[in-house]
Amino acid sequence: MANTIKVEIVSAEHSLYSGDAIMVFAPALLGEVGIAPKHTAMLTPLAPGDVRIRTPEGGEEEIIYVSGGLMEVQPDVVTILSDTAIRAQDIDEEAALRAQEDAQKALAEKGSEVDEARARAELVQAVAQLQALRKIRKG
């Protein structure tokens, strides 16, 4: 049996994923990181994007969109805490496209700095959701 690492992904609403993996890829703020079993301990903030989990059974990777958050890595467990976490296959494509369009319109209107920051954050989230959806469709 291959070495595995336990993966827990928890959102504000519920525990979304709990299982073993042979590799985990996550969107750290400074770029994507890969976590293998026995990885050194670390704590890193996450950017909006997709977490990809390779299971010991093989097959397609499990893809989960996270809105950002924190990832704690210990040699035998990866814990991801995110305000929002959605399985890629459960993403509402129409809602993500609408959110992307709304954010682009808000940026074009040049409101206050607070409105611009909110619109940029919403645009990043919508684009990350759409990218996660596209990855699962490719697979």
C-alpha atoms as a PDB file:
ATOM      1  CA  MET A   1       0.000   0.000   0.000  1.00  0.00           C
ATOM      2  CA  ALA A   2       1.235   3.473  -0.899  1.00  0.00           C
ATOM      3  CA  ASN A   3       2.022   6.065   1.736  1.00  0.00           C
ATOM      4  CA  THR A   4      -0.986   8.280   2.295  1.00  0.00           C
ATOM      5  CA  ILE A   5      -1.831  11.511   4.032  1.00  0.00           C
ATOM      6  CA  LYS A   6      -5.190  12.289   5.660  1.00  0.00           C
ATOM      7  CA  VAL A   7      -7.011  15.271   4.108  1.00  0.00           C
ATOM      8  CA  GLU A   8      -9.727  17.308   5.828  1.00  0.00           C
ATOM      9  CA  ILE A   9     -11.463  20.209   4.053  1.00  0.00           C
ATOM     10  CA  VAL A  10     -13.856  22.208   6.193  1.00  0.00           C
ATOM     11  CA  SER A  11     -15.953  25.239   5.241  1.00  0.00           C
ATOM     12  CA  ALA A  12     -17.921  27.571   7.488  1.00  0.00           C
ATOM     13  CA  GLU A  13     -21.020  25.462   6.778  1.00  0.00           C
ATOM     14  CA  HIS A  14     -19.774  21.875   6.935  1.00  0.00           C
ATOM     15  CA  SER A  15     -17.005  19.331   6.526  1.00  0.00           C
ATOM     16  CA  LEU A  16     -16.726  18.838   2.780  1.00  0.00           C
ATOM     17  CA  TYR A  17     -14.022  16.221   2.398  1.00  0.00           C
ATOM     18  CA  SER A  18     -12.327  13.679   4.626  1.00  0.00           C
ATOM     19  CA  GLY A  19     -10.170  10.945   3.205  1.00  0.00           C
ATOM     20  CA  ASP A  20      -6.731   9.653   2.317  1.00  0.00           C
ATOM     21  CA  ALA A  21      -4.547  11.007  -0.466  1.00  0.00           C
ATOM     22  CA  ILE A  22      -1.226  10.251  -2.057  1.00  0.00           C
ATOM     23  CA  MET A  23      -0.829  13.902  -3.131  1.00  0.00           C
ATOM     24  CA  VAL A  24      -2.638  17.205  -2.508  1.00  0.00           C
ATOM     25  CA  PHE A  25      -2.267  20.370  -4.584  1.00  0.00           C
ATOM     26  CA  ALA A  26      -3.503  23.689  -3.165  1.00  0.00           C
ATOM     27  CA  PRO A  27      -3.523  27.359  -4.246  1.00  0.00           C
ATOM     28  CA  ALA A  28      -1.191  29.014  -1.715  1.00  0.00           C
ATOM     29  CA  LEU A  29      -0.930  32.798  -1.957  1.00  0.00           C
ATOM     30  CA  LEU A  30       2.546  32.600  -3.485  1.00  0.00           C
ATOM     31  CA  GLY A  31       1.663  29.830  -5.932  1.00  0.00           C
ATOM     32  CA  GLU A  32       0.438  26.265  -6.063  1.00  0.00           C
ATOM     33  CA  VAL A  33       1.948  23.875  -3.528  1.00  0.00           C
ATOM     34  CA  GLY A  34       2.092  20.105  -3.638  1.00  0.00           C
ATOM     35  CA  ILE A  35       1.830  18.120  -0.421  1.00  0.00           C
ATOM     36  CA  ALA A  36       2.930  14.494  -0.222  1.00  0.00           C
ATOM     37  CA  PRO A  37       2.799  12.117   2.766  1.00  0.00           C
ATOM     38  CA  LYS A  38       5.417  12.932   5.435  1.00  0.00           C
ATOM     39  CA  HIS A  39       5.604  16.584   4.269  1.00  0.00           C
ATOM     40  CA  THR A  40       7.218  18.956   6.717  1.00  0.00           C
ATOM     41  CA  ALA A  41       4.848  20.934   8.929  1.00  0.00           C
ATOM     42  CA  MET A  42       3.657  24.277   7.588  1.00  0.00           C
ATOM     43  CA  LEU A  43       0.842  26.791   7.794  1.00  0.00           C
ATOM     44  CA  THR A  44      -0.030  28.876   4.741  1.00  0.00           C
ATOM     45  CA  PRO A  45      -2.853  31.151   3.620  1.00  0.00           C
ATOM     46  CA  LEU A  46      -4.723  30.036   0.517  1.00  0.00           C
ATOM     47  CA  ALA A  47      -5.888  32.063  -2.457  1.00  0.00           C
ATOM     48  CA  PRO A  48      -9.216  31.364  -4.152  1.00  0.00           C
ATOM     49  CA  GLY A  49      -8.786  28.348  -6.397  1.00  0.00           C
ATOM     50  CA  ASP A  50      -9.020  24.615  -6.570  1.00  0.00           C
ATOM     51  CA  VAL A  51      -7.606  21.965  -4.283  1.00  0.00           C
ATOM     52  CA  ARG A  52      -6.787  18.771  -6.172  1.00  0.00           C
ATOM     53  CA  ILE A  53      -6.623  15.483  -4.299  1.00  0.00           C
ATOM     54  CA  ARG A  54      -5.065  12.316  -5.727  1.00  0.00           C
ATOM     55  CA  THR A  55      -6.479   9.299  -3.948  1.00  0.00           C
ATOM     56  CA  PRO A  56      -4.719   5.962  -3.450  1.00  0.00           C
ATOM     57  CA  GLU A  57      -7.357   4.287  -5.649  1.00  0.00           C
ATOM     58  CA  GLY A  58      -6.195   6.312  -8.658  1.00  0.00           C
ATOM     59  CA  GLY A  59      -8.653   7.549 -11.225  1.00  0.00           C
ATOM     60  CA  GLU A  60      -9.673  11.166 -11.524  1.00  0.00           C
ATOM     61  CA  GLU A  61      -8.502  13.713  -8.993  1.00  0.00           C
ATOM     62  CA  GLU A  62     -11.057  15.075  -6.559  1.00  0.00           C
ATOM     63  CA  ILE A  63     -11.336  18.824  -7.246  1.00  0.00           C
ATOM     64  CA  ILE A  64     -12.709  21.196  -4.624  1.00  0.00           C
ATOM     65  CA  TYR A  65     -13.005  24.967  -5.031  1.00  0.00           C
ATOM     66  CA  VAL A  66     -12.004  27.007  -1.974  1.00  0.00           C
ATOM     67  CA  SER A  67     -12.571  30.728  -1.551  1.00  0.00           C
ATOM     68  CA  GLY A  68      -9.241  31.093   0.211  1.00  0.00           C
ATOM     69  CA  GLY A  69      -8.526  30.279   3.824  1.00  0.00           C
ATOM     70  CA  LEU A  70      -5.746  28.478   5.661  1.00  0.00           C
ATOM     71  CA  MET A  71      -3.975  25.180   5.136  1.00  0.00           C
ATOM     72  CA  GLU A  72      -2.192  23.435   7.980  1.00  0.00           C
ATOM     73  CA  VAL A  73       0.141  20.610   7.029  1.00  0.00           C
ATOM     74  CA  GLN A  74       1.457  17.996   9.437  1.00  0.00           C
ATOM     75  CA  PRO A  75       3.395  14.910   8.305  1.00  0.00           C
ATOM     76  CA  ASP A  76       0.247  12.746   8.375  1.00  0.00           C
ATOM     77  CA  VAL A  77      -2.616  15.227   7.884  1.00  0.00           C
ATOM     78  CA  VAL A  78      -3.574  18.239   5.766  1.00  0.00           C
ATOM     79  CA  THR A  79      -6.340  20.449   7.139  1.00  0.00           C
ATOM     80  CA  ILE A  80      -7.899  23.156   4.979  1.00  0.00           C
ATOM     81  CA  LEU A  81     -10.210  25.731   6.531  1.00  0.00           C
ATOM     82  CA  SER A  82     -12.129  27.933   4.099  1.00  0.00           C
ATOM     83  CA  ASP A  83     -15.139  30.234   4.323  1.00  0.00           C
ATOM     84  CA  THR A  84     -16.526  28.566   1.203  1.00  0.00           C
ATOM     85  CA  ALA A  85     -15.665  25.164  -0.238  1.00  0.00           C
ATOM     86  CA  ILE A  86     -17.574  23.539  -3.105  1.00  0.00           C
ATOM     87  CA  ARG A  87     -16.963  20.333  -5.013  1.00  0.00           C
ATOM     88  CA  ALA A  88     -16.163  21.387  -8.580  1.00  0.00           C
ATOM     89  CA  GLN A  89     -19.055  19.344  -9.986  1.00  0.00           C
ATOM     90  CA  ASP A  90     -21.454  21.268  -7.695  1.00  0.00           C
ATOM     91  CA  ILE A  91     -20.451  24.756  -8.898  1.00  0.00           C
ATOM     92  CA  ASP A  92     -23.329  26.690 -10.465  1.00  0.00           C
ATOM     93  CA  GLU A  93     -21.770  27.797 -13.752  1.00  0.00           C
ATOM     94  CA  GLU A  94     -24.504  30.314 -14.550  1.00  0.00           C
ATOM     95  CA  ALA A  95     -24.172  31.967 -11.139  1.00  0.00           C
ATOM     96  CA  ALA A  96     -20.375  32.124 -11.478  1.00  0.00           C
ATOM     97  CA  LEU A  97     -20.667  33.671 -14.954  1.00  0.00           C
ATOM     98  CA  ARG A  98     -23.179  36.251 -13.639  1.00  0.00           C
ATOM     99  CA  ALA A  99     -20.878  37.064 -10.716  1.00  0.00           C
ATOM    100  CA  GLN A 100     -17.977  37.506 -13.131  1.00  0.00           C
ATOM    101  CA  GLU A 101     -20.005  39.856 -15.351  1.00  0.00           C
ATOM    102  CA  ASP A 102     -21.295  41.848 -12.358  1.00  0.00           C
ATOM    103  CA  ALA A 103     -17.780  42.262 -10.967  1.00  0.00           C
ATOM    104  CA  GLN A 104     -16.442  43.370 -14.351  1.00  0.00           C
ATOM    105  CA  LYS A 105     -19.242  45.943 -14.640  1.00  0.00           C
ATOM    106  CA  ALA A 106     -18.563  47.225 -11.121  1.00  0.00           C
ATOM    107  CA  LEU A 107     -14.863  47.626 -11.948  1.00  0.00           C
ATOM    108  CA  ALA A 108     -15.703  49.513 -15.149  1.00  0.00           C
ATOM    109  CA  GLU A 109     -17.931  51.956 -13.234  1.00  0.00           C
ATOM    110  CA  LYS A 110     -15.039  53.068 -10.987  1.00  0.00           C
ATOM    111  CA  GLY A 111     -16.911  53.517  -7.697  1.00  0.00           C
ATOM    112  CA  SER A 112     -15.218  53.998  -4.341  1.00  0.00           C
ATOM    113  CA  GLU A 113     -12.033  52.174  -3.367  1.00  0.00           C
ATOM    114  CA  VAL A 114     -14.074  49.841  -1.157  1.00  0.00           C
ATOM    115  CA  ASP A 115     -16.414  48.998  -4.040  1.00  0.00           C
ATOM    116  CA  GLU A 116     -13.439  48.419  -6.342  1.00  0.00           C
ATOM    117  CA  ALA A 117     -11.735  46.114  -3.823  1.00  0.00           C
ATOM    118  CA  ARG A 118     -14.967  44.155  -3.334  1.00  0.00           C
ATOM    119  CA  ALA A 119     -15.471  43.867  -7.108  1.00  0.00           C
ATOM    120  CA  ARG A 120     -11.886  42.639  -7.589  1.00  0.00           C
ATOM    121  CA  ALA A 121     -12.352  40.012  -4.864  1.00  0.00           C
ATOM    122  CA  GLU A 122     -15.648  38.853  -6.395  1.00  0.00           C
ATOM    123  CA  LEU A 123     -14.040  38.673  -9.842  1.00  0.00           C
ATOM    124  CA  VAL A 124     -11.168  36.540  -8.507  1.00  0.00           C
ATOM    125  CA  GLN A 125     -13.650  34.185  -6.826  1.00  0.00           C
ATOM    126  CA  ALA A 126     -15.829  33.840  -9.935  1.00  0.00           C
ATOM    127  CA  VAL A 127     -12.848  33.180 -12.208  1.00  0.00           C
ATOM    128  CA  ALA A 128     -11.439  30.592  -9.771  1.00  0.00           C
ATOM    129  CA  GLN A 129     -14.813  28.790  -9.646  1.00  0.00           C
ATOM    130  CA  LEU A 130     -15.022  28.704 -13.433  1.00  0.00           C
ATOM    131  CA  GLN A 131     -11.449  27.387 -13.684  1.00  0.00           C
ATOM    132  CA  ALA A 132     -12.236  24.591 -11.219  1.00  0.00           C
ATOM    133  CA  LEU A 133     -15.315  23.688 -13.246  1.00  0.00           C
ATOM    134  CA  ARG A 134     -13.290  23.603 -16.473  1.00  0.00           C
ATOM    135  CA  LYS A 135     -10.662  21.346 -14.884  1.00  0.00           C
ATOM    136  CA  ILE A 136     -13.233  18.775 -13.874  1.00  0.00           C
ATOM    137  CA  ARG A 137     -14.792  18.831 -17.335  1.00  0.00           C
ATOM    138  CA  LYS A 138     -11.377  18.232 -18.934  1.00  0.00           C
ATOM    139  CA  GLY A 139     -10.700  15.242 -16.689  1.00  0.00           C
END
